Amino acid sequence: MSSEQTTLIPPLRGDGHGKYRILLLGNSGSGKTTLGKELALILGLPFVSMDTLAWLPGWRMSSSEELRTKLIAIMTDAKDGWVIDGSYQSKIGTLVQDQSTDIIWLDPPLALYFPRICYRTLLRLLRLAPPCSPGCDEDYREVFFSRDSILWWSLSRHWLVRKKESAMLKEDGIHVGGKRRRIGGWGSELEAWKRSVREMVRIGTAD
């Protein structure tokens, strides 16, 4: 696909009838939740954080059946579309991916988002920022002395996520007529894409 053809691709594909079911993917700390809330506001759609849905108080994980039941109910109720961040594919398979009209892979440099997740984790440790899910407060021992640390998880999975999503992009990317889009770089690419989404909504509203 030529660069000229690429510029003609809308920022969101949708279902062809003005409805958008958007799944945001990326490593921990890559900005999924922040973008998800912003997109939901722009599009007037409900936002669903998979972390909040999956984790129960005391860091108890919902079972696969519980998580699937919650998600199906939410997606069925949100008839005009939704924005969901996170995969949890080991728990729910491709349930959300199959239902989505657009899959956005956030792939910023590790040097950009790792300091950001460190800062967020510090705020959560100090109880200055809300936990990822109610009743799931961060613990110093878990953060600094455990293999389950969110910081270790983010570091260790950066290249694994990039390898997996790169392969999926080749098969189902917008450049081959699919629904996956990669947004990388240090921020300018993401800002440009969000502007194009706002413009798409503005033109659609005007029409």
Protein backbone atom coordinates (compact mmCIF):
# COMPACT_ATOMS: atom_id res chain seq x y z
CA MET A 1 0.00 0.00 0.00
CA SER A 2 1.40 3.39 -1.01
CA SER A 3 1.84 6.32 1.39
CA GLU A 4 -0.89 8.17 -0.52
CA GLN A 5 -3.31 5.30 0.02
CA THR A 6 -2.36 5.10 3.69
CA THR A 7 -3.28 8.74 4.27
CA LEU A 8 -6.77 8.01 2.93
CA ILE A 9 -7.42 5.39 5.60
CA PRO A 10 -9.66 6.85 8.33
CA PRO A 11 -8.27 6.88 11.89
CA LEU A 12 -10.95 4.38 12.93
CA ARG A 13 -12.57 1.80 10.69
CA GLY A 14 -15.80 1.20 12.59
CA ASP A 15 -18.51 -1.17 11.46
CA GLY A 16 -19.51 0.88 8.42
CA HIS A 17 -22.58 2.23 10.21
CA GLY A 18 -20.97 4.78 12.50
CA LYS A 19 -20.35 2.44 15.43
CA TYR A 20 -16.94 1.79 16.94
CA ARG A 21 -15.83 -1.11 19.13
CA ILE A 22 -12.25 -0.34 20.01
CA LEU A 23 -9.70 -2.56 21.72
CA LEU A 24 -6.48 -0.97 22.98
CA LEU A 25 -3.45 -3.23 23.33
CA GLY A 26 0.08 -2.66 24.56
CA ASN A 27 2.49 -3.43 27.37
CA SER A 28 1.77 -2.40 30.97
CA GLY A 29 2.35 1.34 31.24
CA SER A 30 2.12 2.04 27.51
CA GLY A 31 -0.81 4.42 27.98
CA LYS A 32 -3.84 2.26 27.21
CA THR A 33 -6.05 3.46 30.05
CA THR A 34 -5.25 7.13 29.51
CA LEU A 35 -5.99 6.88 25.79
CA GLY A 36 -9.06 4.72 26.44
CA LYS A 37 -10.67 7.32 28.67
CA GLU A 38 -9.86 10.07 26.19
CA LEU A 39 -11.21 8.12 23.21
CA ALA A 40 -14.39 7.23 25.09
CA LEU A 41 -14.96 10.91 25.81
CA ILE A 42 -14.33 11.94 22.20
CA LEU A 43 -16.63 9.27 20.81
CA GLY A 44 -19.25 9.34 23.57
CA LEU A 45 -18.77 5.65 24.34
CA PRO A 46 -18.38 3.68 27.58
CA PHE A 47 -14.84 2.87 28.65
CA VAL A 48 -13.97 -0.49 30.20
CA SER A 49 -10.67 -1.16 31.96
CA MET A 50 -9.87 -4.85 31.86
CA ASP A 51 -7.72 -4.52 34.99
CA THR A 52 -10.65 -3.13 36.95
CA LEU A 53 -12.93 -5.82 35.58
CA ALA A 54 -10.53 -8.70 36.19
CA TRP A 55 -9.10 -7.91 39.62
CA LEU A 56 -11.23 -8.32 42.73
CA PRO A 57 -10.37 -6.80 46.15
CA GLY A 58 -7.27 -8.30 47.73
CA TRP A 59 -5.70 -9.01 44.33
CA ARG A 60 -8.02 -11.94 43.68
CA MET A 61 -8.35 -12.68 39.98
CA SER A 62 -11.76 -13.30 38.43
CA SER A 63 -12.15 -16.73 36.92
CA SER A 64 -12.27 -17.06 33.15
CA GLU A 65 -16.01 -17.72 33.31
CA GLU A 66 -16.65 -14.70 35.56
CA LEU A 67 -14.62 -12.41 33.33
CA ARG A 68 -16.27 -13.62 30.14
CA THR A 69 -19.73 -13.22 31.68
CA LYS A 70 -18.96 -9.63 32.76
CA LEU A 71 -17.56 -8.72 29.36
CA ILE A 72 -20.38 -10.24 27.34
CA ALA A 73 -22.93 -8.37 29.45
CA ILE A 74 -21.08 -5.06 28.98
CA MET A 75 -20.58 -5.47 25.25
CA THR A 76 -24.18 -6.56 24.72
CA ASP A 77 -25.49 -3.57 26.65
CA ALA A 78 -23.22 -1.08 24.85
CA LYS A 79 -25.09 -1.22 21.56
CA ASP A 80 -23.48 1.97 20.19
CA GLY A 81 -19.96 0.69 20.78
CA TRP A 82 -17.27 0.65 23.46
CA VAL A 83 -13.61 1.25 24.23
CA ILE A 84 -11.82 -1.55 26.10
CA ASP A 85 -8.19 -1.56 27.20
CA GLY A 86 -6.20 -4.72 27.81
CA SER A 87 -6.16 -8.24 26.43
CA TYR A 88 -6.31 -10.93 29.16
CA GLN A 89 -6.25 -13.38 26.27
CA SER A 90 -5.13 -16.20 28.57
CA LYS A 91 -8.44 -15.76 30.41
CA ILE A 92 -10.94 -14.90 27.69
CA GLY A 93 -9.27 -15.92 24.46
CA THR A 94 -10.07 -13.64 21.51
CA LEU A 95 -13.54 -12.66 22.74
CA VAL A 96 -12.94 -8.90 22.62
CA GLN A 97 -10.66 -9.01 19.59
CA ASP A 98 -13.29 -10.87 17.57
CA GLN A 99 -16.01 -8.34 18.46
CA SER A 100 -13.89 -5.24 17.89
CA THR A 101 -13.99 -3.09 14.78
CA ASP A 102 -10.62 -1.50 15.55
CA ILE A 103 -7.56 -2.75 17.42
CA ILE A 104 -5.04 -0.09 18.40
CA TRP A 105 -1.59 -1.26 19.48
CA LEU A 106 0.27 1.32 21.54
CA ASP A 107 4.00 0.74 21.06
CA PRO A 108 5.97 3.67 22.51
CA PRO A 109 9.68 3.27 23.31
CA LEU A 110 10.41 1.58 26.63
CA ALA A 111 12.50 4.62 27.61
CA LEU A 112 9.36 6.75 27.35
CA TYR A 113 6.82 4.70 29.24
CA PHE A 114 8.88 2.81 31.83
CA PRO A 115 9.66 5.96 33.86
CA ARG A 116 5.96 6.75 33.62
CA ILE A 117 4.90 3.42 35.11
CA CYS A 118 7.53 3.83 37.85
CA TYR A 119 6.05 7.21 38.76
CA ARG A 120 2.49 5.86 38.69
CA THR A 121 3.47 2.93 40.90
CA LEU A 122 5.13 5.29 43.38
CA LEU A 123 1.96 7.39 43.57
CA ARG A 124 -0.07 4.25 44.18
CA LEU A 125 2.31 3.10 46.90
CA LEU A 126 1.88 6.47 48.61
CA ARG A 127 -1.90 6.24 48.12
CA LEU A 128 -1.79 9.42 46.02
CA ALA A 129 -3.29 7.69 42.98
CA PRO A 130 -6.11 5.13 42.77
CA PRO A 131 -5.16 1.45 42.40
CA CYS A 132 -5.71 -0.40 39.14
CA SER A 133 -8.85 -1.88 40.71
CA PRO A 134 -10.68 -1.09 43.97
CA GLY A 135 -9.18 -2.95 46.92
CA CYS A 136 -5.94 -3.78 45.08
CA ASP A 137 -3.42 -1.50 46.76
CA GLU A 138 0.25 -1.73 45.81
CA ASP A 139 2.63 -3.24 48.39
CA TYR A 140 6.32 -2.32 48.72
CA ARG A 141 7.39 -5.96 48.92
CA GLU A 142 5.45 -6.89 45.81
CA VAL A 143 6.73 -3.89 43.85
CA PHE A 144 10.43 -4.17 44.72
CA PHE A 145 11.08 -7.75 45.85
CA SER A 146 8.72 -9.96 43.85
CA ARG A 147 8.71 -11.49 40.39
CA ASP A 148 5.06 -10.43 40.30
CA SER A 149 6.10 -6.77 40.43
CA ILE A 150 4.35 -4.59 37.86
CA LEU A 151 7.72 -2.98 37.13
CA TRP A 152 9.40 -6.31 36.41
CA TRP A 153 6.36 -7.39 34.39
CA SER A 154 6.60 -4.26 32.25
CA LEU A 155 10.36 -4.64 31.67
CA SER A 156 10.31 -8.36 30.95
CA ARG A 157 7.35 -8.23 28.56
CA HIS A 158 8.33 -5.26 26.41
CA TRP A 159 10.00 -7.27 23.65
CA LEU A 160 7.58 -10.20 23.97
CA VAL A 161 4.61 -7.89 23.38
CA ARG A 162 6.37 -6.17 20.49
CA LYS A 163 7.17 -9.49 18.80
CA LYS A 164 3.64 -10.84 19.22
CA GLU A 165 1.84 -7.68 18.10
CA SER A 166 4.20 -7.14 15.16
CA ALA A 167 3.28 -10.58 13.86
CA MET A 168 -0.44 -9.89 14.29
CA LEU A 169 -0.06 -6.54 12.54
CA LYS A 170 1.39 -8.22 9.47
CA GLU A 171 -1.65 -10.49 9.24
CA ASP A 172 -4.41 -8.04 10.14
CA GLY A 173 -3.00 -4.52 9.83
CA ILE A 174 -4.80 -1.62 8.18
CA HIS A 175 -2.18 -1.74 5.41
CA VAL A 176 -3.59 -5.13 4.34
CA GLY A 177 -7.23 -4.21 4.85
CA GLY A 178 -7.43 -5.41 8.45
CA LYS A 179 -8.41 -3.68 11.68
CA ARG A 180 -5.08 -3.38 13.52
CA ARG A 181 -3.13 -0.15 13.77
CA ARG A 182 0.21 0.47 15.47
CA ILE A 183 0.91 3.82 17.13
CA GLY A 184 4.52 4.24 18.21
CA GLY A 185 7.05 6.99 18.60
CA TRP A 186 7.59 9.53 21.35
CA GLY A 187 4.13 11.07 21.32
CA SER A 188 3.70 13.09 18.14
CA GLU A 189 2.23 10.17 16.21
CA LEU A 190 -0.35 9.55 18.94
CA GLU A 191 -1.29 13.22 19.14
CA ALA A 192 -1.70 13.41 15.36
CA TRP A 193 -3.91 10.32 15.41
CA LYS A 194 -6.12 11.72 18.19
CA ARG A 195 -6.53 14.95 16.21
CA SER A 196 -7.64 12.94 13.20
CA VAL A 197 -10.19 11.09 15.38
CA ARG A 198 -11.59 14.40 16.66
CA GLU A 199 -11.78 15.71 13.10
CA MET A 200 -13.57 12.55 11.98
CA VAL A 201 -16.14 13.03 14.75
CA ARG A 202 -16.53 16.73 13.94
CA ILE A 203 -17.15 16.06 10.26
CA GLY A 204 -19.55 13.24 11.09
CA THR A 205 -21.48 15.48 13.47
CA ALA A 206 -21.63 18.25 10.88
CA ASP A 207 -23.01 15.83 8.32
